[in-house]
N, C-alpha and C. Protein backbone atom coordinates (compact mmCIF):
# COMPACT_ATOMS: atom_id res chain seq x y z
N MET A 1 -2.26 7.96 -15.42
CA MET A 1 -1.36 7.28 -14.23
C MET A 1 -0.71 6.20 -14.82
N ALA A 2 0.52 6.09 -14.74
CA ALA A 2 1.46 5.09 -15.59
C ALA A 2 1.75 4.20 -14.73
N LEU A 3 2.46 4.19 -13.53
CA LEU A 3 2.76 2.93 -12.58
C LEU A 3 2.68 3.42 -11.38
N ILE A 4 2.52 2.51 -10.23
CA ILE A 4 2.77 2.81 -8.83
C ILE A 4 3.24 1.51 -8.37
N ARG A 5 4.20 1.93 -7.23
CA ARG A 5 4.92 0.87 -6.37
C ARG A 5 3.53 0.13 -5.70
N GLY A 6 3.90 -1.30 -5.67
CA GLY A 6 2.70 -2.00 -4.84
C GLY A 6 3.34 -2.29 -3.47
N LEU A 7 2.24 -2.30 -2.72
CA LEU A 7 2.55 -2.46 -0.99
C LEU A 7 2.23 -4.01 -0.80
N ASP A 8 2.76 -4.31 0.13
CA ASP A 8 2.26 -5.87 0.90
C ASP A 8 1.59 -5.74 2.01
N ASN A 9 1.32 -6.77 2.60
CA ASN A 9 -0.04 -7.02 3.66
C ASN A 9 0.41 -5.93 4.81
N TYR A 10 1.59 -5.39 4.81
CA TYR A 10 1.79 -4.63 5.96
C TYR A 10 1.66 -3.11 5.70
N GLY A 11 1.47 -2.85 4.62
CA GLY A 11 1.64 -1.32 4.06
C GLY A 11 2.81 -1.01 3.53
N ASP A 12 3.92 -1.88 3.41
CA ASP A 12 5.28 -1.61 3.20
C ASP A 12 5.53 -1.55 1.57
N TRP A 13 6.28 -0.99 1.08
CA TRP A 13 6.47 -0.86 -0.27
C TRP A 13 7.14 -2.20 -0.80
N LEU A 14 6.75 -3.05 -1.84
CA LEU A 14 7.18 -3.97 -2.44
C LEU A 14 8.75 -3.86 -3.32
N TYR A 15 9.44 -4.42 -3.00
CA TYR A 15 11.14 -4.75 -3.51
C TYR A 15 11.30 -5.96 -3.79
N GLY A 16 12.34 -5.87 -4.89
CA GLY A 16 12.86 -7.19 -5.21
C GLY A 16 12.39 -8.06 -6.40
N HIS A 17 11.54 -7.55 -6.84
CA HIS A 17 10.71 -8.37 -7.84
C HIS A 17 10.59 -7.56 -9.24
N GLY A 18 11.61 -6.62 -9.46
CA GLY A 18 11.66 -5.88 -10.84
C GLY A 18 10.28 -5.07 -11.16
N ASN A 19 9.78 -5.11 -12.14
CA ASN A 19 8.45 -4.77 -12.78
C ASN A 19 7.34 -5.49 -11.92
N LEU A 20 7.25 -6.71 -11.37
CA LEU A 20 6.16 -7.12 -10.87
C LEU A 20 5.95 -6.36 -9.58
N ASP A 21 6.75 -5.72 -9.06
CA ASP A 21 6.36 -4.83 -7.86
C ASP A 21 5.61 -3.37 -8.21
N TYR A 22 5.46 -3.44 -9.44
CA TYR A 22 4.55 -2.09 -10.00
C TYR A 22 3.28 -2.28 -10.53
N PHE A 23 2.10 -1.69 -10.16
CA PHE A 23 0.88 -1.73 -10.47
C PHE A 23 0.63 -0.86 -11.67
N SER A 24 -0.30 -1.14 -12.75
CA SER A 24 -0.67 -0.41 -13.71
C SER A 24 -2.31 -0.30 -13.67
N LYS A 25 -2.71 0.50 -14.66
CA LYS A 25 -4.13 0.71 -14.96
C LYS A 25 -5.10 0.94 -13.85
N GLY A 26 -6.02 -0.17 -13.57
CA GLY A 26 -7.12 -0.13 -12.73
C GLY A 26 -6.47 -0.47 -11.37
N ALA A 27 -5.56 -1.22 -11.17
CA ALA A 27 -4.92 -1.53 -9.97
C ALA A 27 -3.97 -0.54 -9.26
N CYS A 28 -3.39 0.19 -10.45
CA CYS A 28 -2.91 1.43 -9.89
C CYS A 28 -3.89 2.43 -9.26
N VAL A 29 -4.75 2.75 -9.90
CA VAL A 29 -5.86 3.77 -9.54
C VAL A 29 -6.70 3.11 -8.20
N GLY A 30 -6.87 1.96 -8.12
CA GLY A 30 -6.96 1.44 -6.73
C GLY A 30 -5.89 1.61 -5.62
N LEU A 31 -4.65 1.44 -5.86
CA LEU A 31 -3.62 1.54 -4.88
C LEU A 31 -3.44 3.17 -4.64
N ASP A 32 -3.74 4.14 -5.75
CA ASP A 32 -3.54 5.43 -5.32
C ASP A 32 -4.65 5.93 -4.53
N ILE A 33 -5.84 5.43 -4.54
CA ILE A 33 -7.07 5.94 -3.68
C ILE A 33 -6.51 5.26 -2.21
N VAL A 34 -6.29 4.06 -2.16
CA VAL A 34 -6.08 3.57 -0.86
C VAL A 34 -4.82 4.43 -0.23
N THR A 35 -3.80 4.64 -0.61
CA THR A 35 -2.72 5.63 -0.02
C THR A 35 -3.04 6.89 0.18
N SER A 36 -4.03 7.50 -0.68
CA SER A 36 -4.58 8.72 -0.52
C SER A 36 -5.30 8.85 0.72
N VAL A 37 -6.08 7.90 1.01
CA VAL A 37 -7.22 7.71 1.85
C VAL A 37 -6.58 7.59 3.40
N LYS A 38 -5.52 6.97 3.34
CA LYS A 38 -4.66 6.55 4.53
C LYS A 38 -3.80 7.78 4.96
N GLU A 39 -3.85 8.92 4.11
CA GLU A 39 -2.64 9.81 4.39
C GLU A 39 -3.48 10.74 5.41
N TRP A 40 -2.51 11.08 6.46
CA TRP A 40 -2.97 11.84 7.72
C TRP A 40 -2.81 13.37 7.42
N LYS A 41 -3.65 14.25 7.67
CA LYS A 41 -3.75 15.81 7.54
C LYS A 41 -2.88 16.04 8.44
N TYR A 42 -1.87 17.05 8.37
CA TYR A 42 -0.73 17.58 9.16
C TYR A 42 0.25 17.25 9.26
N ASN A 43 0.45 15.94 8.22
CA ASN A 43 1.67 14.92 8.42
C ASN A 43 2.75 15.05 7.31
N TRP A 44 2.45 15.74 6.39
CA TRP A 44 3.47 15.82 5.23
C TRP A 44 4.01 17.55 5.19
N PHE A 45 5.32 17.68 5.41
CA PHE A 45 5.81 19.00 5.44
C PHE A 45 5.44 20.02 3.98
N ALA A 46 5.46 19.29 3.08
CA ALA A 46 5.13 20.18 1.92
C ALA A 46 3.69 20.45 1.78
N ASP A 47 2.53 19.65 2.24
CA ASP A 47 1.28 20.19 2.11
C ASP A 47 0.41 19.63 3.56
N PHE A 48 0.35 20.51 4.56
CA PHE A 48 -0.26 20.32 5.74
C PHE A 48 -1.68 19.76 5.66
N GLN A 49 -2.40 20.23 4.68
CA GLN A 49 -3.67 20.27 4.37
C GLN A 49 -4.20 19.11 3.72
N LYS A 50 -3.26 18.16 3.17
CA LYS A 50 -3.50 17.15 2.29
C LYS A 50 -3.69 15.89 3.26
N GLY A 51 -4.72 15.12 3.01
CA GLY A 51 -4.98 14.00 3.64
C GLY A 51 -6.38 14.24 4.67
N ILE A 52 -6.71 13.40 5.36
CA ILE A 52 -7.88 13.21 6.27
C ILE A 52 -7.14 13.63 7.74
N ASP A 53 -7.85 14.29 8.28
CA ASP A 53 -7.80 14.49 9.98
C ASP A 53 -8.28 13.44 10.58
N TRP A 54 -7.54 12.18 10.40
CA TRP A 54 -7.91 10.97 11.37
C TRP A 54 -7.87 11.24 12.70
N ARG A 55 -7.03 12.00 13.18
CA ARG A 55 -6.81 12.02 14.65
C ARG A 55 -8.28 12.63 15.22
N THR A 56 -8.76 13.64 14.65
CA THR A 56 -10.33 14.22 15.04
C THR A 56 -11.20 13.36 14.85
N ARG A 57 -11.31 12.67 13.47
CA ARG A 57 -12.13 11.74 13.10
C ARG A 57 -12.57 10.69 13.80
N LEU A 58 -11.27 10.30 14.21
CA LEU A 58 -11.28 8.63 15.11
C LEU A 58 -11.40 8.88 16.42
N GLY A 59 -10.97 9.98 16.90
CA GLY A 59 -10.91 10.11 18.43
C GLY A 59 -12.11 11.26 18.70
N SER A 60 -13.19 11.65 17.96
CA SER A 60 -14.33 12.37 18.76
C SER A 60 -15.62 11.54 18.11
N LYS A 61 -16.72 11.92 18.91
CA LYS A 61 -17.84 11.01 18.65
C LYS A 61 -18.51 11.61 17.19
N ASN A 62 -19.67 11.22 16.74
CA ASN A 62 -20.41 11.41 15.71
C ASN A 62 -19.56 11.88 14.40
N GLN A 63 -18.56 11.31 13.94
CA GLN A 63 -17.77 11.56 12.82
C GLN A 63 -17.63 10.76 11.66
N LYS A 64 -18.77 9.69 11.71
CA LYS A 64 -18.78 8.83 10.54
C LYS A 64 -19.12 9.35 9.31
N GLU A 65 -19.94 10.31 9.38
CA GLU A 65 -20.73 10.88 8.12
C GLU A 65 -19.67 11.91 7.46
N LEU A 66 -19.09 12.61 8.39
CA LEU A 66 -17.96 13.51 8.05
C LEU A 66 -16.76 12.61 7.46
N LEU A 67 -16.36 11.48 8.12
CA LEU A 67 -15.29 10.77 7.52
C LEU A 67 -15.77 10.38 6.12
N ASP A 68 -16.79 9.71 6.02
CA ASP A 68 -17.41 9.09 4.86
C ASP A 68 -17.15 9.93 3.53
N ARG A 69 -17.64 11.53 3.93
CA ARG A 69 -17.56 12.51 2.91
C ARG A 69 -15.86 12.73 2.61
N ASP A 70 -15.20 12.86 3.71
CA ASP A 70 -13.68 12.89 3.41
C ASP A 70 -12.95 11.88 2.31
N VAL A 71 -13.53 10.78 2.75
CA VAL A 71 -13.10 9.77 2.14
C VAL A 71 -13.68 9.61 0.37
N LEU A 72 -14.78 10.00 0.31
CA LEU A 72 -15.37 9.97 -1.33
C LEU A 72 -14.95 11.07 -1.73
N GLU A 73 -14.62 12.45 -1.10
CA GLU A 73 -13.75 13.47 -1.57
C GLU A 73 -12.53 13.21 -2.46
N ILE A 74 -11.97 12.36 -1.66
CA ILE A 74 -10.53 11.75 -2.01
C ILE A 74 -10.49 11.02 -3.37
N VAL A 75 -11.51 9.89 -3.37
CA VAL A 75 -11.72 9.18 -4.16
C VAL A 75 -12.38 9.68 -5.45
N THR A 76 -13.36 10.47 -5.45
CA THR A 76 -13.68 11.43 -6.57
C THR A 76 -12.90 12.56 -7.29
N SER A 77 -11.66 12.85 -6.49
CA SER A 77 -10.87 13.90 -6.88
C SER A 77 -9.47 13.34 -7.92
N LYS A 78 -9.80 11.91 -7.95
CA LYS A 78 -8.78 11.18 -8.57
C LYS A 78 -8.87 11.31 -10.31
N LYS A 79 -7.77 11.56 -11.05
CA LYS A 79 -8.17 11.78 -12.50
C LYS A 79 -8.59 10.76 -13.17
N ASP A 80 -8.42 9.49 -12.55
CA ASP A 80 -9.00 8.27 -13.57
C ASP A 80 -10.20 7.56 -13.01
N VAL A 81 -11.00 8.21 -11.75
CA VAL A 81 -12.05 7.86 -11.59
C VAL A 81 -13.32 8.51 -12.12
N ILE A 82 -14.26 7.66 -12.87
CA ILE A 82 -15.17 8.35 -13.17
C ILE A 82 -16.21 8.62 -12.34
N SER A 83 -16.69 7.55 -11.52
CA SER A 83 -17.72 7.50 -10.75
C SER A 83 -17.76 6.57 -9.53
N VAL A 84 -18.39 6.93 -8.45
CA VAL A 84 -18.43 5.93 -7.45
C VAL A 84 -19.65 4.99 -7.42
N LEU A 85 -19.81 3.56 -7.79
CA LEU A 85 -20.53 2.85 -7.94
C LEU A 85 -21.24 2.40 -6.49
N GLU A 86 -20.46 1.86 -5.64
CA GLU A 86 -20.92 1.75 -4.36
C GLU A 86 -20.08 2.00 -3.25
N PHE A 87 -20.68 2.17 -2.15
CA PHE A 87 -19.69 2.70 -0.98
C PHE A 87 -20.54 2.31 0.29
N THR A 88 -19.93 1.46 1.08
CA THR A 88 -19.89 1.03 2.34
C THR A 88 -19.10 1.38 3.52
N SER A 89 -19.59 1.68 4.63
CA SER A 89 -18.20 1.72 5.47
C SER A 89 -18.88 1.74 6.96
N ASN A 90 -17.82 1.29 7.90
CA ASN A 90 -18.17 1.27 9.34
C ASN A 90 -17.13 1.83 9.98
N LEU A 91 -17.58 2.25 11.39
CA LEU A 91 -16.65 3.09 12.10
C LEU A 91 -16.88 2.55 13.52
N ASP A 92 -15.97 1.56 14.08
CA ASP A 92 -16.15 1.11 15.45
C ASP A 92 -15.62 2.08 16.11
N ALA A 93 -16.51 2.54 17.08
CA ALA A 93 -15.87 3.70 18.14
C ALA A 93 -15.07 3.08 19.00
N VAL A 94 -15.26 1.90 19.39
CA VAL A 94 -14.68 1.32 20.61
C VAL A 94 -13.14 1.19 20.44
N SER A 95 -12.77 0.66 19.19
CA SER A 95 -11.48 0.06 18.70
C SER A 95 -11.05 1.21 17.94
N ARG A 96 -11.88 2.28 17.49
CA ARG A 96 -11.57 3.40 16.32
C ARG A 96 -10.93 2.94 14.92
N LEU A 97 -11.63 2.08 14.69
CA LEU A 97 -11.44 1.47 13.35
C LEU A 97 -12.34 1.82 12.10
N TYR A 98 -11.63 2.24 11.22
CA TYR A 98 -12.54 2.36 10.11
C TYR A 98 -12.47 1.54 8.98
N THR A 99 -13.59 1.03 8.46
CA THR A 99 -13.35 -0.01 7.55
C THR A 99 -14.28 0.49 6.20
N GLY A 100 -13.88 0.22 5.01
CA GLY A 100 -14.84 0.50 3.85
C GLY A 100 -14.67 -0.37 2.77
N THR A 101 -15.58 -0.33 1.88
CA THR A 101 -15.43 -0.88 0.62
C THR A 101 -15.88 0.22 -0.74
N ILE A 102 -15.11 0.40 -1.46
CA ILE A 102 -15.75 1.22 -2.59
C ILE A 102 -15.64 0.61 -4.08
N ARG A 103 -16.49 0.64 -4.52
CA ARG A 103 -16.55 0.32 -5.84
C ARG A 103 -16.58 1.37 -6.82
N VAL A 104 -15.60 1.48 -7.82
CA VAL A 104 -15.55 2.85 -8.68
C VAL A 104 -15.27 2.29 -10.10
N ASN A 105 -15.76 3.25 -10.87
CA ASN A 105 -15.89 3.14 -12.43
C ASN A 105 -14.61 4.04 -12.71
N THR A 106 -13.56 3.39 -13.38
CA THR A 106 -12.49 3.99 -13.72
C THR A 106 -12.36 3.99 -15.30
N VAL A 107 -11.40 4.98 -15.79
CA VAL A 107 -11.00 4.68 -17.37
C VAL A 107 -10.77 3.41 -17.69
N TYR A 108 -10.32 2.51 -16.71
CA TYR A 108 -9.87 1.12 -17.04
C TYR A 108 -10.70 0.30 -16.81
N GLY A 109 -11.88 0.50 -16.34
CA GLY A 109 -13.10 -0.45 -16.13
C GLY A 109 -13.47 -0.43 -14.60
N GLU A 110 -13.98 -1.19 -14.03
CA GLU A 110 -14.30 -1.34 -12.37
C GLU A 110 -13.48 -1.83 -11.47
N GLU A 111 -13.22 -1.01 -10.29
CA GLU A 111 -12.21 -1.52 -9.47
C GLU A 111 -12.82 -1.48 -8.10
N ALA A 112 -12.62 -2.75 -7.39
CA ALA A 112 -13.11 -2.74 -6.03
C ALA A 112 -12.02 -2.43 -5.07
N ILE A 113 -12.21 -1.61 -3.91
CA ILE A 113 -11.29 -1.11 -3.02
C ILE A 113 -11.56 -1.24 -1.77
N GLU A 114 -10.62 -2.05 -0.84
CA GLU A 114 -11.01 -2.11 0.60
C GLU A 114 -10.01 -1.03 1.54
N ILE A 115 -10.62 -0.37 2.13
CA ILE A 115 -9.97 0.63 3.07
C ILE A 115 -10.14 -0.10 4.82
N LYS A 116 -9.02 0.54 5.41
CA LYS A 116 -8.78 0.12 6.89
C LYS A 116 -7.81 1.12 7.23
N ALA A 117 -8.32 1.75 8.04
CA ALA A 117 -7.55 2.67 8.83
C ALA A 117 -7.76 2.98 10.30
N GLY A 118 -6.89 3.31 11.02
CA GLY A 118 -7.07 3.50 12.43
C GLY A 118 -7.06 1.98 13.22
N GLY A 119 -7.51 1.79 14.41
CA GLY A 119 -7.93 0.53 15.22
C GLY A 119 -6.76 0.48 16.13
N ALA A 120 -7.17 -0.19 17.17
CA ALA A 120 -6.14 -0.20 18.21
C ALA A 120 -5.18 -1.48 18.09
């Protein structure tokens, strides 16, 4: 993985700072994971099966275990990820907010990743 454009605190691409707007190595892997996990299934015209079925997972009961499996499947499918070292998550059924922390071993070293999806 060479470079990936960074995101600001609102999830928008960074612009206007030249090469400083791009991440590489471990930060690149982490950002690739975050953006892939936040991808909604049936939302991309070129591949409707790519992503997580967030509508079902956040809108139905007893979905946390399945959601955790979906997230871990995406994380472990990344080519630069060697292993998952630590994973914790929480699904708030009232606000429909899923949060998680993943620590992975990559070809560049360890990387800690925060995930936040859904929510009112």
